[in-house]
Amino acid sequence: MNIDTLEQAQQEGRAPWDNVYLDTRDFVVYEDKYPVTEGHLLIVPKKSTQEEINKCFKFALAMGNDNVHSDKTNITGYNLGLNIGTSAGQTVMYPHVHLIFRRDGDVEDPKGGVRGVIPSKQNY
């Protein structure tokens, strides 16, 4: 079984990230080049396997929770996302988990959160 890797994706131009925030044994955290909010991060597995992507989600959940509960930030929530396939809006064809920090008042009506990927389904 041939496993896709971040190194291979970078060599092929499928992984355009270069602004490293944190580099670990299993994944690299990058600052998003087109951030949705201040501090928007991408957690990218070094190997494209379900197990490694799960590690990215685990890290993102911990980092999101740590920031929400910190007295040192104005972060009051966060969204996590993974786009797989062009029909889901994937434009960079290597898996990466978005950690989008949220702050009270950053949008007029945040109701529905990630449901906003299909705007007509956001408010229910």
Protein backbone atom coordinates (compact mmCIF):
# COMPACT_ATOMS: atom_id res chain seq x y z
CA MET A 1 0.00 0.00 0.00
CA ASN A 2 1.41 3.36 -1.05
CA ILE A 3 0.74 6.05 1.55
CA ASP A 4 0.67 9.68 0.43
CA THR A 5 2.93 11.93 2.50
CA LEU A 6 3.21 15.64 3.15
CA GLU A 7 6.76 15.59 1.78
CA GLN A 8 5.55 14.01 -1.48
CA ALA A 9 2.63 16.48 -1.73
CA GLN A 10 5.03 19.40 -1.23
CA GLN A 11 7.37 18.09 -3.94
CA GLU A 12 4.41 17.77 -6.33
CA GLY A 13 3.05 21.24 -5.50
CA ARG A 14 -0.12 19.89 -3.84
CA ALA A 15 0.80 21.26 -0.40
CA PRO A 16 1.57 24.98 -0.73
CA TRP A 17 2.05 25.78 2.95
CA ASP A 18 5.28 27.31 4.19
CA ASN A 19 4.43 29.39 7.26
CA VAL A 20 5.14 26.80 9.98
CA TYR A 21 3.63 27.49 13.40
CA LEU A 22 4.65 24.14 14.94
CA ASP A 23 6.39 21.01 13.63
CA THR A 24 5.86 17.71 15.45
CA ARG A 25 6.72 14.10 14.76
CA ASP A 26 3.27 13.37 13.30
CA PHE A 27 2.00 16.64 11.85
CA VAL A 28 2.86 20.22 10.98
CA VAL A 29 0.76 23.18 12.05
CA TYR A 30 0.70 26.07 9.59
CA GLU A 31 -0.81 29.53 9.75
CA ASP A 32 -3.50 29.69 7.07
CA LYS A 33 -2.46 31.97 4.17
CA TYR A 34 -6.08 33.12 3.77
CA PRO A 35 -7.35 33.12 7.35
CA VAL A 36 -11.06 33.15 8.05
CA THR A 37 -10.33 34.66 11.46
CA GLU A 38 -7.22 35.80 13.31
CA GLY A 39 -5.12 32.78 14.26
CA HIS A 40 -6.71 30.35 11.74
CA LEU A 41 -4.45 27.28 11.69
CA LEU A 42 -4.07 24.19 9.52
CA ILE A 43 -3.01 20.93 11.14
CA VAL A 44 -1.46 18.75 8.43
CA PRO A 45 -0.52 15.08 8.89
CA LYS A 46 2.91 14.01 7.69
CA LYS A 47 1.31 10.79 6.44
CA SER A 48 -2.14 10.74 4.87
CA THR A 49 -3.75 7.98 6.91
CA GLN A 50 -6.91 7.95 8.99
CA GLU A 51 -4.85 7.39 12.14
CA GLU A 52 -2.65 10.41 11.44
CA ILE A 53 -5.61 12.62 10.54
CA ASN A 54 -7.21 11.58 13.85
CA LYS A 55 -4.08 12.84 15.63
CA CYS A 56 -4.56 16.18 13.87
CA PHE A 57 -8.16 16.39 15.10
CA LYS A 58 -7.12 15.43 18.64
CA PHE A 59 -4.52 18.20 18.66
CA ALA A 60 -6.96 20.73 17.17
CA LEU A 61 -9.59 19.89 19.81
CA ALA A 62 -7.07 20.28 22.62
CA MET A 63 -5.70 23.55 21.23
CA GLY A 64 -9.19 24.91 20.65
CA ASN A 65 -10.30 24.05 24.17
CA ASP A 66 -7.10 25.40 25.72
CA ASN A 67 -7.62 28.74 23.98
CA VAL A 68 -11.30 28.98 24.88
CA HIS A 69 -10.49 28.37 28.55
CA SER A 70 -7.45 30.65 28.67
CA ASP A 71 -7.50 34.03 30.36
CA LYS A 72 -4.79 35.14 27.92
CA THR A 73 -6.94 35.15 24.74
CA ASN A 74 -10.19 36.68 23.57
CA ILE A 75 -11.15 33.38 21.88
CA THR A 76 -14.65 32.29 22.89
CA GLY A 77 -15.17 29.36 20.51
CA TYR A 78 -13.79 27.54 17.50
CA ASN A 79 -14.75 25.57 14.40
CA LEU A 80 -12.96 22.48 13.11
CA GLY A 81 -13.19 21.40 9.51
CA LEU A 82 -11.83 18.95 6.97
CA ASN A 83 -12.71 19.28 3.29
CA ILE A 84 -12.39 16.04 1.32
CA GLY A 85 -13.19 16.18 -2.39
CA THR A 86 -13.92 19.06 -4.72
CA SER A 87 -17.67 18.73 -4.04
CA ALA A 88 -16.88 19.57 -0.40
CA GLY A 89 -14.81 22.58 -1.43
CA GLN A 90 -11.35 21.02 -1.19
CA THR A 91 -8.87 23.12 -3.17
CA VAL A 92 -5.58 21.85 -1.70
CA MET A 93 -5.44 18.15 -2.46
CA TYR A 94 -3.73 16.92 0.67
CA PRO A 95 -5.67 16.44 3.93
CA HIS A 96 -5.54 19.24 6.48
CA VAL A 97 -7.68 20.09 9.47
CA HIS A 98 -8.79 23.71 9.85
CA LEU A 99 -8.84 25.18 13.36
CA ILE A 100 -10.74 28.45 13.11
CA PHE A 101 -10.80 30.46 16.31
CA ARG A 102 -13.96 32.42 16.98
CA ARG A 103 -14.70 35.47 19.07
CA ASP A 104 -18.00 36.85 20.28
CA GLY A 105 -19.29 39.26 17.64
CA ASP A 106 -16.99 38.14 14.79
CA VAL A 107 -20.11 37.57 12.64
CA GLU A 108 -23.58 39.01 12.99
CA ASP A 109 -25.32 35.64 13.44
CA PRO A 110 -23.11 32.57 14.00
CA LYS A 111 -26.12 30.22 14.37
CA GLY A 112 -25.59 26.97 12.51
CA GLY A 113 -21.78 27.15 12.55
CA VAL A 114 -20.34 24.67 10.05
CA ARG A 115 -23.79 24.22 8.52
CA GLY A 116 -22.95 27.50 6.76
CA VAL A 117 -21.07 25.55 4.09
CA ILE A 118 -24.53 25.36 2.52
CA PRO A 119 -25.90 28.84 3.32
CA SER A 120 -29.59 27.90 2.91
CA LYS A 121 -29.16 25.25 5.65
CA GLN A 122 -27.34 27.45 8.16
CA ASN A 123 -30.38 28.81 9.96
CA TYR A 124 -32.91 26.23 11.04
